[in-house]
Amino acid sequence: MNGYEALANGIIEQAVKDYRIALKALSRNPKNKAARAMKEEVEGFFRSDWFGVLTDINPEYLISKLCMEVETE
């Protein structure tokens, strides 16, 4: 893995971590404004052209999988 691939993977991994944190916070308190904002921000990133440059992962698939993962915890 070259440096650019490692950086791209790190950016995506951090977004996934942030999304999981937001989803878990919202599952405990659906009125959590900070968690709602983080969820929307990360979803925007996942659906962005920049995300498409970093990876070939389907953003809707990723969002769906992460939501299911948090629901089953």
PDB file of N, CA and C in Angstrom:
ATOM      1  N   MET A   1       0.856  -1.170   0.000  1.00  0.00           N
ATOM      2  CA  MET A   1       0.000   0.000   0.000  1.00  0.00           C
ATOM      3  C   MET A   1       0.907   1.240   0.000  1.00  0.00           C
ATOM      4  N   ASN A   2       0.642   2.141  -0.921  1.00  0.00           N
ATOM      5  CA  ASN A   2       1.450   3.351  -0.945  1.00  0.00           C
ATOM      6  C   ASN A   2       0.887   4.397   0.020  1.00  0.00           C
ATOM      7  N   GLY A   3       1.578   5.491   0.136  1.00  0.00           N
ATOM      8  CA  GLY A   3       1.176   6.528   1.087  1.00  0.00           C
ATOM      9  C   GLY A   3      -0.194   7.117   0.800  1.00  0.00           C
ATOM     10  N   TYR A   4      -0.516   7.294  -0.485  1.00  0.00           N
ATOM     11  CA  TYR A   4      -1.818   7.859  -0.845  1.00  0.00           C
ATOM     12  C   TYR A   4      -2.951   6.910  -0.492  1.00  0.00           C
ATOM     13  N   GLU A   5      -2.744   5.622  -0.726  1.00  0.00           N
ATOM     14  CA  GLU A   5      -3.770   4.634  -0.366  1.00  0.00           C
ATOM     15  C   GLU A   5      -3.959   4.590   1.142  1.00  0.00           C
ATOM     16  N   ALA A   6      -2.868   4.665   1.874  1.00  0.00           N
ATOM     17  CA  ALA A   6      -2.958   4.646   3.339  1.00  0.00           C
ATOM     18  C   ALA A   6      -3.714   5.874   3.842  1.00  0.00           C
ATOM     19  N   LEU A   7      -3.441   7.027   3.247  1.00  0.00           N
ATOM     20  CA  LEU A   7      -4.146   8.249   3.637  1.00  0.00           C
ATOM     21  C   LEU A   7      -5.634   8.139   3.314  1.00  0.00           C
ATOM     22  N   ALA A   8      -5.961   7.661   2.112  1.00  0.00           N
ATOM     23  CA  ALA A   8      -7.366   7.499   1.727  1.00  0.00           C
ATOM     24  C   ALA A   8      -8.075   6.544   2.682  1.00  0.00           C
ATOM     25  N   ASN A   9      -7.432   5.434   2.998  1.00  0.00           N
ATOM     26  CA  ASN A   9      -8.031   4.475   3.933  1.00  0.00           C
ATOM     27  C   ASN A   9      -8.227   5.095   5.311  1.00  0.00           C
ATOM     28  N   GLY A  10      -7.264   5.877   5.768  1.00  0.00           N
ATOM     29  CA  GLY A  10      -7.375   6.526   7.072  1.00  0.00           C
ATOM     30  C   GLY A  10      -8.530   7.517   7.121  1.00  0.00           C
ATOM     31  N   ILE A  11      -8.717   8.273   6.052  1.00  0.00           N
ATOM     32  CA  ILE A  11      -9.830   9.229   5.986  1.00  0.00           C
ATOM     33  C   ILE A  11     -11.159   8.495   6.071  1.00  0.00           C
ATOM     34  N   ILE A  12     -11.289   7.424   5.320  1.00  0.00           N
ATOM     35  CA  ILE A  12     -12.543   6.659   5.311  1.00  0.00           C
ATOM     36  C   ILE A  12     -12.766   5.973   6.650  1.00  0.00           C
ATOM     37  N   GLU A  13     -11.721   5.402   7.221  1.00  0.00           N
ATOM     38  CA  GLU A  13     -11.852   4.742   8.527  1.00  0.00           C
ATOM     39  C   GLU A  13     -12.311   5.727   9.592  1.00  0.00           C
ATOM     40  N   GLN A  14     -11.791   6.945   9.575  1.00  0.00           N
ATOM     41  CA  GLN A  14     -12.201   7.940  10.564  1.00  0.00           C
ATOM     42  C   GLN A  14     -13.659   8.333  10.369  1.00  0.00           C
ATOM     43  N   ALA A  15     -14.077   8.471   9.114  1.00  0.00           N
ATOM     44  CA  ALA A  15     -15.479   8.793   8.840  1.00  0.00           C
ATOM     45  C   ALA A  15     -16.401   7.684   9.336  1.00  0.00           C
ATOM     46  N   VAL A  16     -15.996   6.439   9.134  1.00  0.00           N
ATOM     47  CA  VAL A  16     -16.790   5.300   9.611  1.00  0.00           C
ATOM     48  C   VAL A  16     -16.883   5.330  11.141  1.00  0.00           C
ATOM     49  N   LYS A  17     -15.775   5.592  11.816  1.00  0.00           N
ATOM     50  CA  LYS A  17     -15.785   5.677  13.288  1.00  0.00           C
ATOM     51  C   LYS A  17     -16.723   6.782  13.749  1.00  0.00           C
ATOM     52  N   ASP A  18     -16.618   7.952  13.114  1.00  0.00           N
ATOM     53  CA  ASP A  18     -17.480   9.079  13.480  1.00  0.00           C
ATOM     54  C   ASP A  18     -18.947   8.739  13.252  1.00  0.00           C
ATOM     55  N   TYR A  19     -19.237   8.046  12.161  1.00  0.00           N
ATOM     56  CA  TYR A  19     -20.617   7.686  11.841  1.00  0.00           C
ATOM     57  C   TYR A  19     -21.164   6.712  12.878  1.00  0.00           C
ATOM     58  N   ARG A  20     -20.366   5.736  13.250  1.00  0.00           N
ATOM     59  CA  ARG A  20     -20.804   4.782  14.283  1.00  0.00           C
ATOM     60  C   ARG A  20     -21.095   5.502  15.601  1.00  0.00           C
ATOM     61  N   ILE A  21     -20.225   6.409  15.986  1.00  0.00           N
ATOM     62  CA  ILE A  21     -20.422   7.161  17.228  1.00  0.00           C
ATOM     63  C   ILE A  21     -21.726   7.946  17.163  1.00  0.00           C
ATOM     64  N   ALA A  22     -21.958   8.611  16.034  1.00  0.00           N
ATOM     65  CA  ALA A  22     -23.186   9.394  15.875  1.00  0.00           C
ATOM     66  C   ALA A  22     -24.419   8.507  15.932  1.00  0.00           C
ATOM     67  N   LEU A  23     -24.386   7.374  15.239  1.00  0.00           N
ATOM     68  CA  LEU A  23     -25.537   6.470  15.248  1.00  0.00           C
ATOM     69  C   LEU A  23     -25.824   5.931  16.642  1.00  0.00           C
ATOM     70  N   LYS A  24     -24.782   5.571  17.368  1.00  0.00           N
ATOM     71  CA  LYS A  24     -24.970   5.055  18.725  1.00  0.00           C
ATOM     72  C   LYS A  24     -25.544   6.132  19.638  1.00  0.00           C
ATOM     73  N   ALA A  25     -25.047   7.362  19.501  1.00  0.00           N
ATOM     74  CA  ALA A  25     -25.563   8.461  20.316  1.00  0.00           C
ATOM     75  C   ALA A  25     -27.033   8.719  19.991  1.00  0.00           C
ATOM     76  N   LEU A  26     -27.387   8.662  18.719  1.00  0.00           N
ATOM     77  CA  LEU A  26     -28.778   8.871  18.323  1.00  0.00           C
ATOM     78  C   LEU A  26     -29.684   7.739  18.772  1.00  0.00           C
ATOM     79  N   SER A  27     -29.149   6.537  18.858  1.00  0.00           N
ATOM     80  CA  SER A  27     -29.979   5.424  19.334  1.00  0.00           C
ATOM     81  C   SER A  27     -30.302   5.595  20.812  1.00  0.00           C
ATOM     82  N   ARG A  28     -29.399   6.228  21.556  1.00  0.00           N
ATOM     83  CA  ARG A  28     -29.642   6.493  22.975  1.00  0.00           C
ATOM     84  C   ARG A  28     -30.500   7.730  23.179  1.00  0.00           C
ATOM     85  N   ASN A  29     -30.305   8.742  22.305  1.00  0.00           N
ATOM     86  CA  ASN A  29     -31.048   9.990  22.429  1.00  0.00           C
ATOM     87  C   ASN A  29     -31.302  10.564  21.038  1.00  0.00           C
ATOM     88  N   PRO A  30     -32.462  10.280  20.455  1.00  0.00           N
ATOM     89  CA  PRO A  30     -32.762  10.742  19.098  1.00  0.00           C
ATOM     90  C   PRO A  30     -32.769  12.266  18.937  1.00  0.00           C
ATOM     91  N   LYS A  31     -32.816  13.010  20.042  1.00  0.00           N
ATOM     92  CA  LYS A  31     -32.841  14.476  19.975  1.00  0.00           C
ATOM     93  C   LYS A  31     -31.445  15.096  20.081  1.00  0.00           C
ATOM     94  N   ASN A  32     -30.416  14.263  20.107  1.00  0.00           N
ATOM     95  CA  ASN A  32     -29.041  14.745  20.229  1.00  0.00           C
ATOM     96  C   ASN A  32     -28.646  15.515  18.965  1.00  0.00           C
ATOM     97  N   LYS A  33     -28.585  16.849  19.079  1.00  0.00           N
ATOM     98  CA  LYS A  33     -28.330  17.694  17.911  1.00  0.00           C
ATOM     99  C   LYS A  33     -26.918  17.516  17.365  1.00  0.00           C
ATOM    100  N   ALA A  34     -25.952  17.351  18.235  1.00  0.00           N
ATOM    101  CA  ALA A  34     -24.569  17.179  17.791  1.00  0.00           C
ATOM    102  C   ALA A  34     -24.412  15.866  17.024  1.00  0.00           C
ATOM    103  N   ALA A  35     -25.024  14.809  17.534  1.00  0.00           N
ATOM    104  CA  ALA A  35     -24.949  13.511  16.862  1.00  0.00           C
ATOM    105  C   ALA A  35     -25.679  13.563  15.527  1.00  0.00           C
ATOM    106  N   ARG A  36     -26.809  14.243  15.486  1.00  0.00           N
ATOM    107  CA  ARG A  36     -27.565  14.386  14.232  1.00  0.00           C
ATOM    108  C   ARG A  36     -26.724  15.131  13.196  1.00  0.00           C
ATOM    109  N   ALA A  37     -26.066  16.196  13.634  1.00  0.00           N
ATOM    110  CA  ALA A  37     -25.222  16.977  12.722  1.00  0.00           C
ATOM    111  C   ALA A  37     -24.054  16.135  12.207  1.00  0.00           C
ATOM    112  N   MET A  38     -23.434  15.356  13.089  1.00  0.00           N
ATOM    113  CA  MET A  38     -22.317  14.504  12.679  1.00  0.00           C
ATOM    114  C   MET A  38     -22.790  13.461  11.683  1.00  0.00           C
ATOM    115  N   LYS A  39     -23.926  12.847  11.942  1.00  0.00           N
ATOM    116  CA  LYS A  39     -24.484  11.834  11.036  1.00  0.00           C
ATOM    117  C   LYS A  39     -24.703  12.444   9.654  1.00  0.00           C
ATOM    118  N   GLU A  40     -25.306  13.610   9.597  1.00  0.00           N
ATOM    119  CA  GLU A  40     -25.589  14.251   8.322  1.00  0.00           C
ATOM    120  C   GLU A  40     -24.307  14.673   7.608  1.00  0.00           C
ATOM    121  N   GLU A  41     -23.334  15.153   8.365  1.00  0.00           N
ATOM    122  CA  GLU A  41     -22.060  15.554   7.772  1.00  0.00           C
ATOM    123  C   GLU A  41     -21.334  14.358   7.151  1.00  0.00           C
ATOM    124  N   VAL A  42     -21.299  13.253   7.885  1.00  0.00           N
ATOM    125  CA  VAL A  42     -20.610  12.071   7.370  1.00  0.00           C
ATOM    126  C   VAL A  42     -21.360  11.476   6.184  1.00  0.00           C
ATOM    127  N   GLU A  43     -22.686  11.464   6.233  1.00  0.00           N
ATOM    128  CA  GLU A  43     -23.449  10.981   5.083  1.00  0.00           C
ATOM    129  C   GLU A  43     -23.163  11.845   3.857  1.00  0.00           C
ATOM    130  N   GLY A  44     -23.022  13.144   4.065  1.00  0.00           N
ATOM    131  CA  GLY A  44     -22.670  14.034   2.965  1.00  0.00           C
ATOM    132  C   GLY A  44     -21.313  13.676   2.376  1.00  0.00           C
ATOM    133  N   PHE A  45     -20.365  13.373   3.257  1.00  0.00           N
ATOM    134  CA  PHE A  45     -19.041  12.948   2.793  1.00  0.00           C
ATOM    135  C   PHE A  45     -19.137  11.643   2.020  1.00  0.00           C
ATOM    136  N   PHE A  46     -19.870  10.665   2.576  1.00  0.00           N
ATOM    137  CA  PHE A  46     -19.997   9.375   1.904  1.00  0.00           C
ATOM    138  C   PHE A  46     -20.586   9.528   0.500  1.00  0.00           C
ATOM    139  N   ARG A  47     -21.474  10.479   0.331  1.00  0.00           N
ATOM    140  CA  ARG A  47     -22.143  10.664  -0.963  1.00  0.00           C
ATOM    141  C   ARG A  47     -21.431  11.671  -1.871  1.00  0.00           C
ATOM    142  N   SER A  48     -20.299  12.154  -1.440  1.00  0.00           N
ATOM    143  CA  SER A  48     -19.586  13.190  -2.194  1.00  0.00           C
ATOM    144  C   SER A  48     -18.711  12.620  -3.305  1.00  0.00           C
ATOM    145  N   ASP A  49     -18.360  13.489  -4.220  1.00  0.00           N
ATOM    146  CA  ASP A  49     -17.422  13.111  -5.277  1.00  0.00           C
ATOM    147  C   ASP A  49     -16.067  12.749  -4.679  1.00  0.00           C
ATOM    148  N   TRP A  50     -15.678  13.447  -3.627  1.00  0.00           N
ATOM    149  CA  TRP A  50     -14.391  13.198  -2.967  1.00  0.00           C
ATOM    150  C   TRP A  50     -14.327  11.755  -2.453  1.00  0.00           C
ATOM    151  N   PHE A  51     -15.405  11.269  -1.860  1.00  0.00           N
ATOM    152  CA  PHE A  51     -15.455   9.886  -1.401  1.00  0.00           C
ATOM    153  C   PHE A  51     -15.234   8.953  -2.585  1.00  0.00           C
ATOM    154  N   GLY A  52     -15.851   9.267  -3.716  1.00  0.00           N
ATOM    155  CA  GLY A  52     -15.698   8.454  -4.921  1.00  0.00           C
ATOM    156  C   GLY A  52     -14.274   8.442  -5.447  1.00  0.00           C
ATOM    157  N   VAL A  53     -13.534   9.502  -5.197  1.00  0.00           N
ATOM    158  CA  VAL A  53     -12.124   9.550  -5.593  1.00  0.00           C
ATOM    159  C   VAL A  53     -11.295   8.648  -4.683  1.00  0.00           C
ATOM    160  N   LEU A  54     -11.674   8.610  -3.410  1.00  0.00           N
ATOM    161  CA  LEU A  54     -10.910   7.844  -2.424  1.00  0.00           C
ATOM    162  C   LEU A  54     -11.139   6.347  -2.493  1.00  0.00           C
ATOM    163  N   THR A  55     -12.334   5.930  -2.927  1.00  0.00           N
ATOM    164  CA  THR A  55     -12.685   4.507  -2.872  1.00  0.00           C
ATOM    165  C   THR A  55     -13.744   4.165  -3.912  1.00  0.00           C
ATOM    166  N   ASP A  56     -13.868   2.875  -4.176  1.00  0.00           N
ATOM    167  CA  ASP A  56     -14.916   2.377  -5.070  1.00  0.00           C
ATOM    168  C   ASP A  56     -16.115   1.839  -4.292  1.00  0.00           C
ATOM    169  N   ILE A  57     -16.095   1.975  -2.986  1.00  0.00           N
ATOM    170  CA  ILE A  57     -17.191   1.475  -2.149  1.00  0.00           C
ATOM    171  C   ILE A  57     -18.472   2.242  -2.476  1.00  0.00           C
ATOM    172  N   ASN A  58     -19.569   1.512  -2.619  1.00  0.00           N
ATOM    173  CA  ASN A  58     -20.876   2.141  -2.841  1.00  0.00           C
ATOM    174  C   ASN A  58     -21.300   2.819  -1.542  1.00  0.00           C
ATOM    175  N   PRO A  59     -21.515   4.130  -1.560  1.00  0.00           N
ATOM    176  CA  PRO A  59     -21.831   4.833  -0.311  1.00  0.00           C
ATOM    177  C   PRO A  59     -23.146   4.392   0.322  1.00  0.00           C
ATOM    178  N   GLU A  60     -24.153   4.101  -0.483  1.00  0.00           N
ATOM    179  CA  GLU A  60     -25.436   3.674   0.080  1.00  0.00           C
ATOM    180  C   GLU A  60     -25.308   2.311   0.750  1.00  0.00           C
ATOM    181  N   TYR A  61     -24.504   1.452   0.164  1.00  0.00           N
ATOM    182  CA  TYR A  61     -24.242   0.145   0.768  1.00  0.00           C
ATOM    183  C   TYR A  61     -23.538   0.319   2.111  1.00  0.00           C
ATOM    184  N   LEU A  62     -22.534   1.185   2.155  1.00  0.00           N
ATOM    185  CA  LEU A  62     -21.793   1.419   3.388  1.00  0.00           C
ATOM    186  C   LEU A  62     -22.697   1.989   4.475  1.00  0.00           C
ATOM    187  N   ILE A  63     -23.502   2.982   4.129  1.00  0.00           N
ATOM    188  CA  ILE A  63     -24.422   3.581   5.100  1.00  0.00           C
ATOM    189  C   ILE A  63     -25.383   2.525   5.628  1.00  0.00           C
ATOM    190  N   SER A  64     -25.932   1.725   4.733  1.00  0.00           N
ATOM    191  CA  SER A  64     -26.874   0.672   5.124  1.00  0.00           C
ATOM    192  C   SER A  64     -26.225  -0.328   6.073  1.00  0.00           C
ATOM    193  N   LYS A  65     -25.026  -0.777   5.733  1.00  0.00           N
ATOM    194  CA  LYS A  65     -24.331  -1.759   6.575  1.00  0.00           C
ATOM    195  C   LYS A  65     -24.027  -1.190   7.951  1.00  0.00           C
ATOM    196  N   LEU A  66     -23.584   0.047   8.010  1.00  0.00           N
ATOM    197  CA  LEU A  66     -23.265   0.655   9.298  1.00  0.00           C
ATOM    198  C   LEU A  66     -24.523   0.842  10.150  1.00  0.00           C
ATOM    199  N   CYS A  67     -25.625   1.215   9.523  1.00  0.00           N
ATOM    200  CA  CYS A  67     -26.890   1.349  10.267  1.00  0.00           C
ATOM    201  C   CYS A  67     -27.332   0.005  10.818  1.00  0.00           C
ATOM    202  N   MET A  68     -27.247  -1.042   9.997  1.00  0.00           N
ATOM    203  CA  MET A  68     -27.634  -2.385  10.460  1.00  0.00           C
ATOM    204  C   MET A  68     -26.719  -2.849  11.574  1.00  0.00           C
ATOM    205  N   GLU A  69     -25.443  -2.558  11.470  1.00  0.00           N
ATOM    206  CA  GLU A  69     -24.469  -2.958  12.501  1.00  0.00           C
ATOM    207  C   GLU A  69     -24.828  -2.340  13.850  1.00  0.00           C
ATOM    208  N   VAL A  70     -25.153  -1.061  13.841  1.00  0.00           N
ATOM    209  CA  VAL A  70     -25.472  -0.375  15.102  1.00  0.00           C
ATOM    210  C   VAL A  70     -26.814  -0.843  15.649  1.00  0.00           C
ATOM    211  N   GLU A  71     -27.773  -1.123  14.775  1.00  0.00           N
ATOM    212  CA  GLU A  71     -29.105  -1.597  15.210  1.00  0.00           C
ATOM    213  C   GLU A  71     -29.020  -2.948  15.910  1.00  0.00           C
ATOM    214  N   THR A  72     -28.078  -3.798  15.507  1.00  0.00           N
ATOM    215  CA  THR A  72     -28.004  -5.140  16.059  1.00  0.00           C
ATOM    216  C   THR A  72     -27.133  -5.216  17.314  1.00  0.00           C
ATOM    217  N   GLU A  73     -26.552  -4.100  17.695  1.00  0.00           N
ATOM    218  CA  GLU A  73     -25.728  -4.119  18.929  1.00  0.00           C
ATOM    219  C   GLU A  73     -26.575  -4.024  20.160  1.00  0.00           C
TER     220      GLU A  73
END
